[in-house]
Structures are given as structure tokens and as C-alpha cells.
PDB file of N, CA and C in Angstrom:
ATOM      1  N   MET A   1     -13.156 -17.194 -43.979  1.00  0.00           N
ATOM      2  CA  MET A   1     -14.070 -18.269 -44.324  1.00  0.00           C
ATOM      3  C   MET A   1     -13.371 -19.616 -44.284  1.00  0.00           C
ATOM      4  N   GLY A   2     -12.063 -19.634 -44.531  1.00  0.00           N
ATOM      5  CA  GLY A   2     -11.309 -20.878 -44.519  1.00  0.00           C
ATOM      6  C   GLY A   2     -11.282 -21.524 -43.142  1.00  0.00           C
ATOM      7  N   TRP A   3     -11.169 -20.694 -42.103  1.00  0.00           N
ATOM      8  CA  TRP A   3     -11.150 -21.234 -40.738  1.00  0.00           C
ATOM      9  C   TRP A   3     -12.492 -21.838 -40.360  1.00  0.00           C
ATOM     10  N   LEU A   4     -13.560 -21.250 -40.855  1.00  0.00           N
ATOM     11  CA  LEU A   4     -14.890 -21.791 -40.567  1.00  0.00           C
ATOM     12  C   LEU A   4     -15.042 -23.194 -41.140  1.00  0.00           C
ATOM     13  N   TRP A   5     -14.600 -23.382 -42.398  1.00  0.00           N
ATOM     14  CA  TRP A   5     -14.653 -24.717 -42.999  1.00  0.00           C
ATOM     15  C   TRP A   5     -13.774 -25.691 -42.235  1.00  0.00           C
ATOM     16  N   THR A   6     -12.603 -25.222 -41.813  1.00  0.00           N
ATOM     17  CA  THR A   6     -11.699 -26.090 -41.058  1.00  0.00           C
ATOM     18  C   THR A   6     -12.347 -26.538 -39.754  1.00  0.00           C
ATOM     19  N   LEU A   7     -13.008 -25.628 -39.055  1.00  0.00           N
ATOM     20  CA  LEU A   7     -13.675 -25.989 -37.798  1.00  0.00           C
ATOM     21  C   LEU A   7     -14.847 -26.934 -38.036  1.00  0.00           C
ATOM     22  N   ILE A   8     -15.609 -26.684 -39.091  1.00  0.00           N
ATOM     23  CA  ILE A   8     -16.749 -27.558 -39.391  1.00  0.00           C
ATOM     24  C   ILE A   8     -16.272 -28.960 -39.749  1.00  0.00           C
ATOM     25  N   VAL A   9     -15.281 -29.051 -40.626  1.00  0.00           N
ATOM     26  CA  VAL A   9     -14.764 -30.364 -41.022  1.00  0.00           C
ATOM     27  C   VAL A   9     -14.105 -31.055 -39.828  1.00  0.00           C
ATOM     28  N   GLY A  10     -13.385 -30.292 -38.988  1.00  0.00           N
ATOM     29  CA  GLY A  10     -12.794 -30.864 -37.776  1.00  0.00           C
ATOM     30  C   GLY A  10     -13.847 -31.423 -36.836  1.00  0.00           C
ATOM     31  N   GLY A  11     -14.968 -30.714 -36.694  1.00  0.00           N
ATOM     32  CA  GLY A  11     -16.061 -31.213 -35.860  1.00  0.00           C
ATOM     33  C   GLY A  11     -16.685 -32.480 -36.400  1.00  0.00           C
ATOM     34  N   ILE A  12     -16.838 -32.540 -37.714  1.00  0.00           N
ATOM     35  CA  ILE A  12     -17.399 -33.746 -38.330  1.00  0.00           C
ATOM     36  C   ILE A  12     -16.439 -34.918 -38.175  1.00  0.00           C
ATOM     37  N   ILE A  13     -15.153 -34.666 -38.386  1.00  0.00           N
ATOM     38  CA  ILE A  13     -14.157 -35.730 -38.220  1.00  0.00           C
ATOM     39  C   ILE A  13     -14.141 -36.217 -36.772  1.00  0.00           C
ATOM     40  N   GLY A  14     -14.211 -35.300 -35.812  1.00  0.00           N
ATOM     41  CA  GLY A  14     -14.261 -35.695 -34.402  1.00  0.00           C
ATOM     42  C   GLY A  14     -15.512 -36.481 -34.060  1.00  0.00           C
ATOM     43  N   ALA A  15     -16.651 -36.089 -34.642  1.00  0.00           N
ATOM     44  CA  ALA A  15     -17.898 -36.818 -34.401  1.00  0.00           C
ATOM     45  C   ALA A  15     -17.835 -38.228 -34.980  1.00  0.00           C
ATOM     46  N   VAL A  16     -17.250 -38.357 -36.169  1.00  0.00           N
ATOM     47  CA  VAL A  16     -17.101 -39.686 -36.774  1.00  0.00           C
ATOM     48  C   VAL A  16     -16.176 -40.546 -35.925  1.00  0.00           C
ATOM     49  N   ALA A  17     -15.078 -39.956 -35.452  1.00  0.00           N
ATOM     50  CA  ALA A  17     -14.145 -40.705 -34.599  1.00  0.00           C
ATOM     51  C   ALA A  17     -14.817 -41.125 -33.297  1.00  0.00           C
ATOM     52  N   GLY A  18     -15.635 -40.254 -32.720  1.00  0.00           N
ATOM     53  CA  GLY A  18     -16.375 -40.610 -31.511  1.00  0.00           C
ATOM     54  C   GLY A  18     -17.363 -41.721 -31.748  1.00  0.00           C
ATOM     55  N   ALA A  19     -18.003 -41.716 -32.924  1.00  0.00           N
ATOM     56  CA  ALA A  19     -18.952 -42.780 -33.257  1.00  0.00           C
ATOM     57  C   ALA A  19     -18.239 -44.110 -33.481  1.00  0.00           C
ATOM     58  N   ILE A  20     -17.067 -44.064 -34.097  1.00  0.00           N
ATOM     59  CA  ILE A  20     -16.312 -45.292 -34.356  1.00  0.00           C
ATOM     60  C   ILE A  20     -15.847 -45.911 -33.046  1.00  0.00           C
ATOM     61  N   THR A  21     -15.422 -45.088 -32.090  1.00  0.00           N
ATOM     62  CA  THR A  21     -14.905 -45.600 -30.815  1.00  0.00           C
ATOM     63  C   THR A  21     -15.996 -45.741 -29.756  1.00  0.00           C
ATOM     64  N   ASN A  22     -17.241 -45.448 -30.101  1.00  0.00           N
ATOM     65  CA  ASN A  22     -18.377 -45.489 -29.160  1.00  0.00           C
ATOM     66  C   ASN A  22     -18.214 -44.527 -27.997  1.00  0.00           C
ATOM     67  N   LYS A  23     -17.503 -43.417 -28.196  1.00  0.00           N
ATOM     68  CA  LYS A  23     -17.332 -42.392 -27.171  1.00  0.00           C
ATOM     69  C   LYS A  23     -18.001 -41.089 -27.583  1.00  0.00           C
ATOM     70  N   GLY A  24     -18.741 -41.107 -28.675  1.00  0.00           N
ATOM     71  CA  GLY A  24     -19.341 -39.897 -29.215  1.00  0.00           C
ATOM     72  C   GLY A  24     -20.415 -39.305 -28.329  1.00  0.00           C
ATOM     73  N   GLY A  25     -21.123 -40.122 -27.563  1.00  0.00           N
ATOM     74  CA  GLY A  25     -22.175 -39.615 -26.710  1.00  0.00           C
ATOM     75  C   GLY A  25     -21.661 -38.790 -25.550  1.00  0.00           C
ATOM     76  N   SER A  26     -20.471 -39.105 -25.078  1.00  0.00           N
ATOM     77  CA  SER A  26     -19.927 -38.388 -23.927  1.00  0.00           C
ATOM     78  C   SER A  26     -19.141 -37.152 -24.334  1.00  0.00           C
ATOM     79  N   MET A  27     -18.893 -36.972 -25.623  1.00  0.00           N
ATOM     80  CA  MET A  27     -18.138 -35.821 -26.102  1.00  0.00           C
ATOM     81  C   MET A  27     -19.095 -34.722 -26.535  1.00  0.00           C
ATOM     82  N   GLY A  28     -18.719 -33.479 -26.290  1.00  0.00           N
ATOM     83  CA  GLY A  28     -19.522 -32.351 -26.742  1.00  0.00           C
ATOM     84  C   GLY A  28     -19.028 -31.843 -28.080  1.00  0.00           C
ATOM     85  N   ILE A  29     -19.633 -30.759 -28.529  1.00  0.00           N
ATOM     86  CA  ILE A  29     -19.273 -30.193 -29.822  1.00  0.00           C
ATOM     87  C   ILE A  29     -17.831 -29.694 -29.809  1.00  0.00           C
ATOM     88  N   ILE A  30     -17.442 -29.016 -28.754  1.00  0.00           N
ATOM     89  CA  ILE A  30     -16.081 -28.480 -28.684  1.00  0.00           C
ATOM     90  C   ILE A  30     -15.064 -29.608 -28.620  1.00  0.00           C
ATOM     91  N   ALA A  31     -15.352 -30.656 -27.896  1.00  0.00           N
ATOM     92  CA  ALA A  31     -14.439 -31.805 -27.842  1.00  0.00           C
ATOM     93  C   ALA A  31     -14.332 -32.477 -29.204  1.00  0.00           C
ATOM     94  N   ASN A  32     -15.434 -32.523 -29.958  1.00  0.00           N
ATOM     95  CA  ASN A  32     -15.398 -33.088 -31.311  1.00  0.00           C
ATOM     96  C   ASN A  32     -14.484 -32.261 -32.211  1.00  0.00           C
ATOM     97  N   VAL A  33     -14.615 -30.941 -32.137  1.00  0.00           N
ATOM     98  CA  VAL A  33     -13.789 -30.074 -32.979  1.00  0.00           C
ATOM     99  C   VAL A  33     -12.325 -30.215 -32.603  1.00  0.00           C
ATOM    100  N   ILE A  34     -12.026 -30.207 -31.308  1.00  0.00           N
ATOM    101  CA  ILE A  34     -10.634 -30.317 -30.856  1.00  0.00           C
ATOM    102  C   ILE A  34     -10.044 -31.661 -31.247  1.00  0.00           C
ATOM    103  N   SER A  35     -10.782 -32.741 -31.010  1.00  0.00           N
ATOM    104  CA  SER A  35     -10.247 -34.059 -31.379  1.00  0.00           C
ATOM    105  C   SER A  35     -10.113 -34.199 -32.886  1.00  0.00           C
ATOM    106  N   GLY A  36     -11.004 -33.581 -33.642  1.00  0.00           N
ATOM    107  CA  GLY A  36     -10.901 -33.617 -35.101  1.00  0.00           C
ATOM    108  C   GLY A  36      -9.690 -32.853 -35.610  1.00  0.00           C
ATOM    109  N   LEU A  37      -9.428 -31.679 -35.038  1.00  0.00           N
ATOM    110  CA  LEU A  37      -8.282 -30.881 -35.482  1.00  0.00           C
ATOM    111  C   LEU A  37      -6.959 -31.519 -35.073  1.00  0.00           C
ATOM    112  N   ILE A  38      -6.869 -31.967 -33.830  1.00  0.00           N
ATOM    113  CA  ILE A  38      -5.632 -32.615 -33.371  1.00  0.00           C
ATOM    114  C   ILE A  38      -5.443 -33.950 -34.092  1.00  0.00           C
ATOM    115  N   GLY A  39      -6.511 -34.706 -34.229  1.00  0.00           N
ATOM    116  CA  GLY A  39      -6.437 -35.979 -34.940  1.00  0.00           C
ATOM    117  C   GLY A  39      -6.054 -35.806 -36.396  1.00  0.00           C
ATOM    118  N   SER A  40      -6.522 -34.733 -37.008  1.00  0.00           N
ATOM    119  CA  SER A  40      -6.156 -34.454 -38.391  1.00  0.00           C
ATOM    120  C   SER A  40      -4.664 -34.187 -38.505  1.00  0.00           C
ATOM    121  N   SER A  41      -4.137 -33.412 -37.590  1.00  0.00           N
ATOM    122  CA  SER A  41      -2.695 -33.127 -37.617  1.00  0.00           C
ATOM    123  C   SER A  41      -1.882 -34.401 -37.413  1.00  0.00           C
ATOM    124  N   ILE A  42      -2.275 -35.199 -36.446  1.00  0.00           N
ATOM    125  CA  ILE A  42      -1.553 -36.444 -36.168  1.00  0.00           C
ATOM    126  C   ILE A  42      -1.700 -37.428 -37.320  1.00  0.00           C
ATOM    127  N   GLY A  43      -2.907 -37.585 -37.825  1.00  0.00           N
ATOM    128  CA  GLY A  43      -3.151 -38.528 -38.919  1.00  0.00           C
ATOM    129  C   GLY A  43      -2.389 -38.165 -40.181  1.00  0.00           C
ATOM    130  N   GLN A  44      -2.362 -36.877 -40.521  1.00  0.00           N
ATOM    131  CA  GLN A  44      -1.644 -36.465 -41.718  1.00  0.00           C
ATOM    132  C   GLN A  44      -0.136 -36.547 -41.518  1.00  0.00           C
ATOM    133  N   ALA A  45       0.342 -36.353 -40.304  1.00  0.00           N
ATOM    134  CA  ALA A  45       1.774 -36.499 -40.045  1.00  0.00           C
ATOM    135  C   ALA A  45       2.196 -37.964 -40.134  1.00  0.00           C
ATOM    136  N   LEU A  46       1.338 -38.869 -39.658  1.00  0.00           N
ATOM    137  CA  LEU A  46       1.688 -40.290 -39.675  1.00  0.00           C
ATOM    138  C   LEU A  46       1.436 -40.953 -41.023  1.00  0.00           C
ATOM    139  N   PHE A  47       0.311 -40.616 -41.663  1.00  0.00           N
ATOM    140  CA  PHE A  47      -0.124 -41.352 -42.839  1.00  0.00           C
ATOM    141  C   PHE A  47      -0.073 -40.554 -44.136  1.00  0.00           C
ATOM    142  N   GLY A  48       0.252 -39.287 -44.081  1.00  0.00           N
ATOM    143  CA  GLY A  48       0.330 -38.474 -45.290  1.00  0.00           C
ATOM    144  C   GLY A  48      -1.014 -37.861 -45.654  1.00  0.00           C
ATOM    145  N   THR A  49      -1.085 -37.284 -46.836  1.00  0.00           N
ATOM    146  CA  THR A  49      -2.304 -36.597 -47.272  1.00  0.00           C
ATOM    147  C   THR A  49      -2.911 -37.275 -48.489  1.00  0.00           C
ATOM    148  N   TRP A  50      -3.305 -38.515 -48.346  1.00  0.00           N
ATOM    149  CA  TRP A  50      -3.957 -39.226 -49.434  1.00  0.00           C
ATOM    150  C   TRP A  50      -5.458 -39.211 -49.221  1.00  0.00           C
ATOM    151  N   GLY A  51      -6.184 -39.424 -50.258  1.00  0.00           N
ATOM    152  CA  GLY A  51      -7.640 -39.419 -50.175  1.00  0.00           C
ATOM    153  C   GLY A  51      -8.197 -38.031 -50.439  1.00  0.00           C
ATOM    154  N   PRO A  52      -9.496 -37.896 -50.336  1.00  0.00           N
ATOM    155  CA  PRO A  52     -10.123 -36.595 -50.607  1.00  0.00           C
ATOM    156  C   PRO A  52      -9.727 -35.561 -49.554  1.00  0.00           C
ATOM    157  N   ILE A  53      -9.552 -34.317 -50.004  1.00  0.00           N
ATOM    158  CA  ILE A  53      -9.169 -33.221 -49.108  1.00  0.00           C
ATOM    159  C   ILE A  53     -10.327 -32.231 -49.041  1.00  0.00           C
ATOM    160  N   VAL A  54     -10.818 -31.978 -47.830  1.00  0.00           N
ATOM    161  CA  VAL A  54     -11.908 -31.038 -47.603  1.00  0.00           C
ATOM    162  C   VAL A  54     -11.489 -30.113 -46.467  1.00  0.00           C
ATOM    163  N   GLY A  55     -11.624 -28.828 -46.661  1.00  0.00           N
ATOM    164  CA  GLY A  55     -11.275 -27.869 -45.619  1.00  0.00           C
ATOM    165  C   GLY A  55      -9.798 -27.909 -45.255  1.00  0.00           C
ATOM    166  N   GLY A  56      -8.965 -28.288 -46.190  1.00  0.00           N
ATOM    167  CA  GLY A  56      -7.530 -28.358 -45.936  1.00  0.00           C
ATOM    168  C   GLY A  56      -7.081 -29.621 -45.223  1.00  0.00           C
ATOM    169  N   MET A  57      -7.992 -30.571 -45.033  1.00  0.00           N
ATOM    170  CA  MET A  57      -7.659 -31.809 -44.326  1.00  0.00           C
ATOM    171  C   MET A  57      -7.944 -33.016 -45.209  1.00  0.00           C
ATOM    172  N   ALA A  58      -6.990 -33.935 -45.256  1.00  0.00           N
ATOM    173  CA  ALA A  58      -7.211 -35.205 -45.947  1.00  0.00           C
ATOM    174  C   ALA A  58      -8.112 -36.052 -45.050  1.00  0.00           C
ATOM    175  N   ILE A  59      -9.247 -36.441 -45.558  1.00  0.00           N
ATOM    176  CA  ILE A  59     -10.301 -37.036 -44.737  1.00  0.00           C
ATOM    177  C   ILE A  59      -9.897 -38.368 -44.107  1.00  0.00           C
ATOM    178  N   VAL A  60      -9.397 -39.312 -44.883  1.00  0.00           N
ATOM    179  CA  VAL A  60      -9.131 -40.655 -44.359  1.00  0.00           C
ATOM    180  C   VAL A  60      -8.036 -40.647 -43.289  1.00  0.00           C
ATOM    181  N   PRO A  61      -6.866 -40.049 -43.529  1.00  0.00           N
ATOM    182  CA  PRO A  61      -5.858 -40.012 -42.461  1.00  0.00           C
ATOM    183  C   PRO A  61      -6.317 -39.202 -41.248  1.00  0.00           C
ATOM    184  N   SER A  62      -7.140 -38.177 -41.486  1.00  0.00           N
ATOM    185  CA  SER A  62      -7.641 -37.369 -40.381  1.00  0.00           C
ATOM    186  C   SER A  62      -8.564 -38.170 -39.476  1.00  0.00           C
ATOM    187  N   ILE A  63      -9.432 -38.984 -40.064  1.00  0.00           N
ATOM    188  CA  ILE A  63     -10.336 -39.815 -39.258  1.00  0.00           C
ATOM    189  C   ILE A  63      -9.534 -40.851 -38.477  1.00  0.00           C
ATOM    190  N   ILE A  64      -8.549 -41.454 -39.117  1.00  0.00           N
ATOM    191  CA  ILE A  64      -7.710 -42.438 -38.415  1.00  0.00           C
ATOM    192  C   ILE A  64      -6.975 -41.773 -37.249  1.00  0.00           C
ATOM    193  N   GLY A  65      -6.422 -40.589 -37.480  1.00  0.00           N
ATOM    194  CA  GLY A  65      -5.735 -39.865 -36.408  1.00  0.00           C
ATOM    195  C   GLY A  65      -6.674 -39.465 -35.288  1.00  0.00           C
ATOM    196  N   ALA A  66      -7.896 -39.029 -35.634  1.00  0.00           N
ATOM    197  CA  ALA A  66      -8.870 -38.648 -34.610  1.00  0.00           C
ATOM    198  C   ALA A  66      -9.330 -39.853 -33.798  1.00  0.00           C
ATOM    199  N   VAL A  67      -9.461 -41.012 -34.433  1.00  0.00           N
ATOM    200  CA  VAL A  67      -9.806 -42.234 -33.693  1.00  0.00           C
ATOM    201  C   VAL A  67      -8.696 -42.549 -32.690  1.00  0.00           C
ATOM    202  N   ILE A  68      -7.457 -42.390 -33.091  1.00  0.00           N
ATOM    203  CA  ILE A  68      -6.331 -42.619 -32.177  1.00  0.00           C
ATOM    204  C   ILE A  68      -6.400 -41.650 -31.013  1.00  0.00           C
ATOM    205  N   VAL A  69      -6.640 -40.363 -31.294  1.00  0.00           N
ATOM    206  CA  VAL A  69      -6.714 -39.348 -30.232  1.00  0.00           C
ATOM    207  C   VAL A  69      -7.850 -39.655 -29.268  1.00  0.00           C
ATOM    208  N   VAL A  70      -9.035 -39.954 -29.786  1.00  0.00           N
ATOM    209  CA  VAL A  70     -10.190 -40.234 -28.921  1.00  0.00           C
ATOM    210  C   VAL A  70      -9.945 -41.481 -28.080  1.00  0.00           C
ATOM    211  N   ALA A  71      -9.362 -42.512 -28.677  1.00  0.00           N
ATOM    212  CA  ALA A  71      -9.102 -43.751 -27.936  1.00  0.00           C
ATOM    213  C   ALA A  71      -8.082 -43.523 -26.823  1.00  0.00           C
ATOM    214  N   VAL A  72      -7.022 -42.789 -27.104  1.00  0.00           N
ATOM    215  CA  VAL A  72      -5.992 -42.543 -26.095  1.00  0.00           C
ATOM    216  C   VAL A  72      -6.528 -41.666 -24.970  1.00  0.00           C
ATOM    217  N   VAL A  73      -7.224 -40.594 -25.324  1.00  0.00           N
ATOM    218  CA  VAL A  73      -7.771 -39.702 -24.293  1.00  0.00           C
ATOM    219  C   VAL A  73      -8.806 -40.418 -23.446  1.00  0.00           C
ATOM    220  N   SER A  74      -9.689 -41.179 -24.047  1.00  0.00           N
ATOM    221  CA  SER A  74     -10.715 -41.887 -23.260  1.00  0.00           C
ATOM    222  C   SER A  74     -10.078 -42.964 -22.388  1.00  0.00           C
ATOM    223  N   PHE A  75      -8.989 -43.582 -22.850  1.00  0.00           N
ATOM    224  CA  PHE A  75      -8.283 -44.565 -22.025  1.00  0.00           C
ATOM    225  C   PHE A  75      -7.740 -43.914 -20.760  1.00  0.00           C
ATOM    226  N   PHE A  76      -7.090 -42.763 -20.911  1.00  0.00           N
ATOM    227  CA  PHE A  76      -6.513 -42.097 -19.752  1.00  0.00           C
ATOM    228  C   PHE A  76      -7.568 -41.495 -18.842  1.00  0.00           C
ATOM    229  N   LEU A  77      -8.663 -40.995 -19.388  1.00  0.00           N
ATOM    230  CA  LEU A  77      -9.727 -40.453 -18.550  1.00  0.00           C
ATOM    231  C   LEU A  77     -10.445 -41.552 -17.787  1.00  0.00           C
ATOM    232  N   ASN A  78     -10.665 -42.696 -18.408  1.00  0.00           N
ATOM    233  CA  ASN A  78     -11.294 -43.821 -17.717  1.00  0.00           C
ATOM    234  C   ASN A  78     -10.370 -44.400 -16.669  1.00  0.00           C
ATOM    235  N   LYS A  79      -9.063 -44.373 -16.918  1.00  0.00           N
ATOM    236  CA  LYS A  79      -8.066 -44.878 -15.984  1.00  0.00           C
ATOM    237  C   LYS A  79      -8.076 -44.036 -14.700  1.00  0.00           C
ATOM    238  N   SER A  80      -8.184 -42.714 -14.846  1.00  0.00           N
ATOM    239  CA  SER A  80      -8.140 -41.845 -13.676  1.00  0.00           C
ATOM    240  C   SER A  80      -9.454 -41.874 -12.891  1.00  0.00           C
ATOM    241  N   ASN A  81     -10.560 -42.221 -13.527  1.00  0.00           N
ATOM    242  CA  ASN A  81     -11.852 -42.292 -12.831  1.00  0.00           C
ATOM    243  C   ASN A  81     -12.045 -43.587 -12.055  1.00  0.00           C
ATOM    244  N   SER A  82     -11.258 -44.597 -12.346  1.00  0.00           N
ATOM    245  CA  SER A  82     -11.419 -45.895 -11.693  1.00  0.00           C
ATOM    246  C   SER A  82     -10.864 -45.905 -10.297  1.00  0.00           C
TER     247      SER A  82
END
């Protein structure tokens, strides 16, 4: 059951990051979950585990990390399409 919560919270974090960067419409559910999980790992490694913790992830650093991941990935994908 713990993994299910982690995936759900990761998807929500990825969706929030996509909405903040205006890339949420082009991302699917799986991309939201992946960016949320990777962003959570990066955000907590860079900024620590402060703020509310849900599903084993500190929400504020996780969202910041996911925004970084979405911005970097969309930059490189847009660069290769040009």
C-alpha cells in the first residue's frame, strides 16, 4: 500500500510541476508520475526534507525538484525538435 501512495503523490507532484511550468498539457499520467518521483528525489537531495511529508515525500522540496526536472527535460526536448 505504501508504493501506491508514493505513486499517487508522485503523480500529483508531477502534475503540479507541469502546471507551474505550463507543460502539463503535453505530459501524460506516466510522465507526471516519473517527473514527480525523480523530482522528489532531486528536490529532497538539494533542499532537504522540510515541510509536510505525504507518501514518504516532503511536498515543498519535491515540487521544486519536479519543476526543475520538467523545465530541464522540456528544454532539451524543444531544443531537439527545432
